[in-house]
Amino acid sequence: MMGQQKSEAQLFNYAVNLEKRVRSNHPLRKVKAAIDFGFVREAVAHCYGKNGNESVAPEVILKMMFLLFFDDIKSERELMEVIGERLDYLWFLDYGLDEKIPDHSVLSKARARWARRSLRACLCARWRSAWRRG
């Protein structure tokens, strides 16, 4: 009887350290060191309810929005397709190799939910001060 190859996702299990896989002079390292994206959590807290499904963390959404512009990615849909393929993106977003990448609609929903004008002013001020220090 002829054998068949079995496809097993966990056939090999390697402990991959993304920190070591992203080169030391990678531009996203400078961004991650210069900007604490955690400020967005407080800035948009009023946009979230207390009940319902748990959403993607606001700082992750903001980092994804940043990547769109940083690498001139054409669409949110394309970004979500690329994230899982790029170790540097996974590292920047603090995602693991097997982390589920959210649907592209997460970004458009966040933009609609977050007050654009106030968020834009807050972001510009934060990024300007971070780049001056860096």
N, C-alpha and C. Protein backbone atom coordinates (compact mmCIF):
# COMPACT_ATOMS: atom_id res chain seq x y z
N MET A 1 0.85 -1.17 0.00
CA MET A 1 0.00 0.00 0.00
C MET A 1 0.90 1.24 0.00
N MET A 2 0.57 2.19 -0.86
CA MET A 2 1.35 3.42 -0.97
C MET A 2 0.99 4.36 0.17
N GLY A 3 2.00 4.90 0.81
CA GLY A 3 1.79 5.84 1.92
C GLY A 3 1.39 7.21 1.43
N GLN A 4 0.84 7.99 2.33
CA GLN A 4 0.48 9.38 2.04
C GLN A 4 1.17 10.29 3.03
N GLN A 5 1.60 11.44 2.53
CA GLN A 5 2.22 12.41 3.41
C GLN A 5 1.15 13.09 4.24
N LYS A 6 1.38 13.16 5.53
CA LYS A 6 0.43 13.82 6.41
C LYS A 6 0.92 15.24 6.68
N SER A 7 0.00 16.15 6.64
CA SER A 7 0.31 17.54 6.93
C SER A 7 -0.05 17.81 8.39
N GLU A 8 0.95 18.03 9.19
CA GLU A 8 0.72 18.29 10.61
C GLU A 8 1.34 19.63 10.96
N ALA A 9 0.51 20.53 11.42
CA ALA A 9 0.98 21.88 11.75
C ALA A 9 2.04 21.87 12.84
N GLN A 10 1.93 20.97 13.78
CA GLN A 10 2.85 20.96 14.91
C GLN A 10 3.93 19.88 14.76
N LEU A 11 4.22 19.44 13.54
CA LEU A 11 5.23 18.42 13.31
C LEU A 11 6.56 18.87 13.91
N PHE A 12 6.90 20.10 13.65
CA PHE A 12 8.11 20.68 14.23
C PHE A 12 7.70 21.86 15.07
N ASN A 13 8.29 21.99 16.22
CA ASN A 13 7.97 23.11 17.09
C ASN A 13 9.27 23.80 17.46
N TYR A 14 9.47 24.95 16.88
CA TYR A 14 10.68 25.72 17.15
C TYR A 14 10.33 26.90 18.04
N ALA A 15 11.14 27.14 18.99
CA ALA A 15 10.96 28.33 19.83
C ALA A 15 11.63 29.49 19.09
N VAL A 16 10.82 30.31 18.46
CA VAL A 16 11.35 31.43 17.67
C VAL A 16 11.28 32.69 18.51
N ASN A 17 12.41 33.34 18.64
CA ASN A 17 12.49 34.58 19.38
C ASN A 17 12.52 35.72 18.35
N LEU A 18 11.39 36.39 18.18
CA LEU A 18 11.31 37.46 17.18
C LEU A 18 12.26 38.60 17.50
N GLU A 19 12.52 38.84 18.76
CA GLU A 19 13.46 39.89 19.16
C GLU A 19 14.82 39.66 18.50
N LYS A 20 15.24 38.42 18.42
CA LYS A 20 16.53 38.08 17.82
C LYS A 20 16.47 38.04 16.29
N ARG A 21 15.29 37.90 15.73
CA ARG A 21 15.13 37.78 14.29
C ARG A 21 15.04 39.13 13.57
N VAL A 22 14.84 40.21 14.31
CA VAL A 22 14.76 41.55 13.72
C VAL A 22 16.11 42.23 13.93
N ARG A 23 16.74 42.61 12.84
CA ARG A 23 18.10 43.15 12.92
C ARG A 23 18.17 44.38 13.83
N SER A 24 19.31 44.58 14.41
CA SER A 24 19.48 45.64 15.42
C SER A 24 19.32 47.05 14.85
N ASN A 25 19.58 47.24 13.56
CA ASN A 25 19.45 48.57 12.96
C ASN A 25 18.16 48.74 12.16
N HIS A 26 17.20 47.87 12.40
CA HIS A 26 15.92 47.96 11.68
C HIS A 26 15.21 49.26 12.08
N PRO A 27 14.68 50.00 11.12
CA PRO A 27 14.01 51.28 11.42
C PRO A 27 12.86 51.16 12.43
N LEU A 28 12.16 50.05 12.43
CA LEU A 28 11.06 49.90 13.39
C LEU A 28 11.56 49.80 14.83
N ARG A 29 12.81 49.40 15.01
CA ARG A 29 13.38 49.39 16.37
C ARG A 29 13.45 50.82 16.92
N LYS A 30 13.85 51.76 16.06
CA LYS A 30 13.93 53.16 16.49
C LYS A 30 12.54 53.69 16.82
N VAL A 31 11.58 53.35 16.00
CA VAL A 31 10.20 53.80 16.23
C VAL A 31 9.69 53.23 17.55
N LYS A 32 9.89 51.94 17.75
CA LYS A 32 9.40 51.29 18.97
C LYS A 32 10.07 51.86 20.22
N ALA A 33 11.33 52.22 20.10
CA ALA A 33 12.05 52.79 21.23
C ALA A 33 11.63 54.24 21.50
N ALA A 34 11.29 54.97 20.45
CA ALA A 34 10.99 56.40 20.58
C ALA A 34 9.54 56.69 20.95
N ILE A 35 8.62 55.83 20.54
CA ILE A 35 7.20 56.13 20.72
C ILE A 35 6.54 55.08 21.60
N ASP A 36 5.93 55.54 22.66
CA ASP A 36 5.13 54.66 23.51
C ASP A 36 3.70 54.76 23.02
N PHE A 37 3.27 53.77 22.26
CA PHE A 37 1.93 53.78 21.68
C PHE A 37 0.84 53.57 22.72
N GLY A 38 1.23 53.27 23.95
CA GLY A 38 0.26 53.02 25.01
C GLY A 38 -0.59 54.23 25.37
N PHE A 39 -0.16 55.43 25.00
CA PHE A 39 -0.93 56.64 25.32
C PHE A 39 -2.31 56.61 24.69
N VAL A 40 -2.45 55.89 23.58
CA VAL A 40 -3.72 55.89 22.85
C VAL A 40 -4.83 55.23 23.66
N ARG A 41 -4.48 54.31 24.54
CA ARG A 41 -5.48 53.60 25.35
C ARG A 41 -6.33 54.59 26.14
N GLU A 42 -5.68 55.53 26.80
CA GLU A 42 -6.41 56.53 27.58
C GLU A 42 -7.13 57.52 26.66
N ALA A 43 -6.50 57.87 25.55
CA ALA A 43 -7.08 58.85 24.64
C ALA A 43 -8.39 58.39 24.00
N VAL A 44 -8.55 57.07 23.83
CA VAL A 44 -9.76 56.57 23.18
C VAL A 44 -10.64 55.73 24.11
N ALA A 45 -10.33 55.70 25.38
CA ALA A 45 -11.09 54.88 26.34
C ALA A 45 -12.58 55.20 26.30
N HIS A 46 -12.93 56.46 26.09
CA HIS A 46 -14.34 56.85 26.08
C HIS A 46 -15.10 56.26 24.88
N CYS A 47 -14.40 55.72 23.91
CA CYS A 47 -15.03 55.15 22.71
C CYS A 47 -15.43 53.69 22.88
N TYR A 48 -15.07 53.09 23.99
CA TYR A 48 -15.32 51.67 24.19
C TYR A 48 -16.32 51.46 25.33
N GLY A 49 -17.15 50.43 25.17
CA GLY A 49 -18.12 50.08 26.19
C GLY A 49 -17.52 49.10 27.19
N LYS A 50 -18.32 48.71 28.15
CA LYS A 50 -17.88 47.77 29.18
C LYS A 50 -18.31 46.33 28.87
N ASN A 51 -19.29 46.17 27.98
CA ASN A 51 -19.82 44.85 27.64
C ASN A 51 -19.48 44.51 26.20
N GLY A 52 -19.69 43.26 25.85
CA GLY A 52 -19.47 42.84 24.47
C GLY A 52 -18.17 42.09 24.30
N ASN A 53 -17.80 41.89 23.05
CA ASN A 53 -16.57 41.17 22.74
C ASN A 53 -15.35 42.02 23.05
N GLU A 54 -14.27 41.35 23.40
CA GLU A 54 -13.02 42.06 23.64
C GLU A 54 -12.45 42.49 22.29
N SER A 55 -12.02 43.73 22.23
CA SER A 55 -11.51 44.25 20.96
C SER A 55 -9.99 44.10 20.89
N VAL A 56 -9.45 44.41 19.74
CA VAL A 56 -8.00 44.48 19.57
C VAL A 56 -7.52 45.68 20.38
N ALA A 57 -6.41 45.53 21.06
CA ALA A 57 -5.88 46.60 21.91
C ALA A 57 -5.64 47.87 21.08
N PRO A 58 -6.04 49.02 21.60
CA PRO A 58 -5.88 50.28 20.85
C PRO A 58 -4.44 50.55 20.41
N GLU A 59 -3.47 50.20 21.25
CA GLU A 59 -2.08 50.45 20.86
C GLU A 59 -1.67 49.58 19.67
N VAL A 60 -2.24 48.39 19.55
CA VAL A 60 -1.95 47.53 18.40
C VAL A 60 -2.60 48.12 17.15
N ILE A 61 -3.82 48.61 17.28
CA ILE A 61 -4.50 49.24 16.15
C ILE A 61 -3.71 50.45 15.67
N LEU A 62 -3.23 51.25 16.60
CA LEU A 62 -2.46 52.44 16.22
C LEU A 62 -1.15 52.04 15.54
N LYS A 63 -0.49 51.01 16.05
CA LYS A 63 0.73 50.53 15.40
C LYS A 63 0.45 50.04 13.99
N MET A 64 -0.69 49.39 13.80
CA MET A 64 -1.05 48.93 12.45
C MET A 64 -1.29 50.11 11.53
N MET A 65 -1.97 51.13 12.03
CA MET A 65 -2.18 52.35 11.24
C MET A 65 -0.85 52.98 10.88
N PHE A 66 0.08 52.98 11.83
CA PHE A 66 1.41 53.52 11.58
C PHE A 66 2.10 52.74 10.46
N LEU A 67 2.01 51.41 10.49
CA LEU A 67 2.66 50.59 9.46
C LEU A 67 2.13 50.88 8.06
N LEU A 68 0.84 51.20 7.97
CA LEU A 68 0.25 51.56 6.67
C LEU A 68 1.03 52.70 6.02
N PHE A 69 1.33 53.71 6.81
CA PHE A 69 2.02 54.89 6.29
C PHE A 69 3.52 54.68 6.23
N PHE A 70 4.06 53.98 7.20
CA PHE A 70 5.51 53.76 7.29
C PHE A 70 6.03 53.04 6.05
N ASP A 71 5.33 52.02 5.61
CA ASP A 71 5.77 51.24 4.45
C ASP A 71 4.91 51.49 3.22
N ASP A 72 4.09 52.55 3.26
CA ASP A 72 3.27 52.94 2.11
C ASP A 72 2.47 51.76 1.56
N ILE A 73 1.77 51.09 2.45
CA ILE A 73 0.94 49.95 2.07
C ILE A 73 -0.37 50.49 1.54
N LYS A 74 -0.83 49.93 0.44
CA LYS A 74 -1.96 50.50 -0.29
C LYS A 74 -3.30 50.39 0.40
N SER A 75 -3.50 49.36 1.22
CA SER A 75 -4.81 49.20 1.83
C SER A 75 -4.70 48.47 3.16
N GLU A 76 -5.73 48.62 3.96
CA GLU A 76 -5.79 47.92 5.24
C GLU A 76 -5.87 46.42 5.01
N ARG A 77 -6.57 46.02 3.98
CA ARG A 77 -6.69 44.60 3.64
C ARG A 77 -5.31 44.02 3.32
N GLU A 78 -4.54 44.75 2.52
CA GLU A 78 -3.19 44.28 2.17
C GLU A 78 -2.30 44.21 3.42
N LEU A 79 -2.41 45.20 4.28
CA LEU A 79 -1.61 45.19 5.51
C LEU A 79 -1.87 43.92 6.31
N MET A 80 -3.13 43.59 6.50
CA MET A 80 -3.47 42.40 7.30
C MET A 80 -2.96 41.12 6.65
N GLU A 81 -2.90 41.10 5.32
CA GLU A 81 -2.36 39.93 4.63
C GLU A 81 -0.85 39.83 4.82
N VAL A 82 -0.18 40.97 4.90
CA VAL A 82 1.27 41.01 4.98
C VAL A 82 1.78 40.79 6.41
N ILE A 83 1.03 41.19 7.39
CA ILE A 83 1.50 41.12 8.79
C ILE A 83 2.01 39.73 9.14
N GLY A 84 1.24 38.70 8.82
CA GLY A 84 1.63 37.34 9.17
C GLY A 84 2.88 36.85 8.46
N GLU A 85 3.26 37.50 7.38
CA GLU A 85 4.42 37.09 6.60
C GLU A 85 5.70 37.81 7.03
N ARG A 86 5.55 38.88 7.78
CA ARG A 86 6.70 39.72 8.11
C ARG A 86 7.07 39.60 9.58
N LEU A 87 8.23 39.05 9.84
CA LEU A 87 8.69 38.91 11.23
C LEU A 87 8.85 40.27 11.90
N ASP A 88 9.31 41.26 11.14
CA ASP A 88 9.49 42.59 11.73
C ASP A 88 8.15 43.19 12.16
N TYR A 89 7.11 42.99 11.37
CA TYR A 89 5.78 43.49 11.73
C TYR A 89 5.25 42.77 12.96
N LEU A 90 5.39 41.44 12.97
CA LEU A 90 4.93 40.68 14.14
C LEU A 90 5.64 41.16 15.40
N TRP A 91 6.94 41.36 15.30
CA TRP A 91 7.72 41.85 16.44
C TRP A 91 7.25 43.24 16.87
N PHE A 92 7.07 44.13 15.92
CA PHE A 92 6.65 45.51 16.21
C PHE A 92 5.28 45.53 16.90
N LEU A 93 4.40 44.64 16.48
CA LEU A 93 3.05 44.59 17.04
C LEU A 93 2.97 43.75 18.32
N ASP A 94 4.10 43.17 18.72
CA ASP A 94 4.15 42.27 19.88
C ASP A 94 3.25 41.06 19.69
N TYR A 95 3.20 40.57 18.46
CA TYR A 95 2.44 39.38 18.12
C TYR A 95 3.39 38.19 18.07
N GLY A 96 2.87 37.01 18.30
CA GLY A 96 3.62 35.78 18.12
C GLY A 96 3.39 35.23 16.73
N LEU A 97 4.13 34.20 16.37
CA LEU A 97 4.02 33.61 15.04
C LEU A 97 2.63 33.03 14.78
N ASP A 98 1.99 32.52 15.79
CA ASP A 98 0.68 31.89 15.61
C ASP A 98 -0.48 32.79 16.00
N GLU A 99 -0.19 34.05 16.27
CA GLU A 99 -1.25 34.99 16.68
C GLU A 99 -2.22 35.21 15.52
N LYS A 100 -3.49 35.25 15.85
CA LYS A 100 -4.52 35.50 14.84
C LYS A 100 -4.47 36.98 14.44
N ILE A 101 -4.33 37.23 13.17
CA ILE A 101 -4.31 38.59 12.65
C ILE A 101 -5.76 39.05 12.49
N PRO A 102 -6.11 40.22 13.02
CA PRO A 102 -7.50 40.66 12.92
C PRO A 102 -7.91 40.98 11.49
N ASP A 103 -9.20 41.03 11.28
CA ASP A 103 -9.75 41.41 10.00
C ASP A 103 -9.44 42.88 9.73
N HIS A 104 -9.31 43.22 8.46
CA HIS A 104 -8.99 44.60 8.08
C HIS A 104 -10.04 45.60 8.57
N SER A 105 -11.25 45.15 8.78
CA SER A 105 -12.32 46.05 9.21
C SER A 105 -12.07 46.63 10.60
N VAL A 106 -11.20 45.98 11.37
CA VAL A 106 -10.86 46.50 12.70
C VAL A 106 -10.32 47.92 12.61
N LEU A 107 -9.50 48.16 11.58
CA LEU A 107 -8.90 49.50 11.44
C LEU A 107 -9.93 50.54 11.03
N SER A 108 -10.78 50.21 10.09
CA SER A 108 -11.78 51.20 9.66
C SER A 108 -12.79 51.46 10.76
N LYS A 109 -13.15 50.43 11.51
CA LYS A 109 -14.07 50.63 12.63
C LYS A 109 -13.45 51.50 13.71
N ALA A 110 -12.17 51.29 13.98
CA ALA A 110 -11.48 52.11 14.98
C ALA A 110 -11.42 53.57 14.54
N ARG A 111 -11.10 53.79 13.27
CA ARG A 111 -11.05 55.17 12.76
C ARG A 111 -12.41 55.84 12.91
N ALA A 112 -13.46 55.10 12.63
CA ALA A 112 -14.81 55.67 12.74
C ALA A 112 -15.18 55.91 14.20
N ARG A 113 -14.76 55.02 15.08
CA ARG A 113 -15.11 55.12 16.49
C ARG A 113 -14.30 56.21 17.20
N TRP A 114 -13.03 56.30 16.88
CA TRP A 114 -12.17 57.28 17.54
C TRP A 114 -12.43 58.64 16.91
N ALA A 115 -12.43 59.65 17.70
CA ALA A 115 -12.64 61.02 17.18
C ALA A 115 -11.42 61.41 16.35
N ARG A 116 -11.63 61.53 15.06
CA ARG A 116 -10.49 61.77 14.15
C ARG A 116 -9.70 63.03 14.49
N ARG A 117 -10.41 64.13 14.70
CA ARG A 117 -9.72 65.39 14.91
C ARG A 117 -8.88 65.37 16.19
N SER A 118 -9.46 64.91 17.28
CA SER A 118 -8.73 64.91 18.55
C SER A 118 -7.60 63.88 18.52
N LEU A 119 -7.83 62.74 17.91
CA LEU A 119 -6.79 61.72 17.83
C LEU A 119 -5.64 62.21 16.95
N ARG A 120 -5.95 62.84 15.84
CA ARG A 120 -4.91 63.35 14.94
C ARG A 120 -4.03 64.37 15.66
N ALA A 121 -4.63 65.28 16.40
CA ALA A 121 -3.87 66.29 17.14
C ALA A 121 -2.99 65.64 18.20
N CYS A 122 -3.56 64.66 18.89
CA CYS A 122 -2.81 63.94 19.92
C CYS A 122 -1.63 63.19 19.31
N LEU A 123 -1.87 62.51 18.20
CA LEU A 123 -0.80 61.75 17.54
C LEU A 123 0.30 62.65 17.04
N CYS A 124 -0.07 63.72 16.39
CA CYS A 124 0.94 64.64 15.85
C CYS A 124 1.83 65.19 16.95
N ALA A 125 1.23 65.58 18.05
CA ALA A 125 2.01 66.12 19.17
C ALA A 125 2.95 65.05 19.73
N ARG A 126 2.46 63.84 19.91
CA ARG A 126 3.28 62.75 20.46
C ARG A 126 4.43 62.41 19.53
N TRP A 127 4.14 62.26 18.24
CA TRP A 127 5.17 61.85 17.30
C TRP A 127 6.21 62.94 17.09
N ARG A 128 5.77 64.19 17.06
CA ARG A 128 6.74 65.29 16.93
C ARG A 128 7.71 65.30 18.10
N SER A 129 7.19 65.18 19.31
CA SER A 129 8.08 65.21 20.48
C SER A 129 8.98 63.98 20.51
N ALA A 130 8.48 62.83 20.08
CA ALA A 130 9.31 61.61 20.06
C ALA A 130 10.44 61.75 19.07
N TRP A 131 10.16 62.29 17.87
CA TRP A 131 11.21 62.42 16.87
C TRP A 131 12.23 63.47 17.25
N ARG A 132 11.82 64.49 17.97
CA ARG A 132 12.79 65.51 18.44
C ARG A 132 13.76 64.91 19.43
N ARG A 133 13.25 64.02 20.32
CA ARG A 133 14.12 63.38 21.31
C ARG A 133 15.05 62.37 20.64
N GLY A 134 14.52 61.65 19.64
CA GLY A 134 15.27 60.55 18.99
C GLY A 134 16.20 61.06 17.99
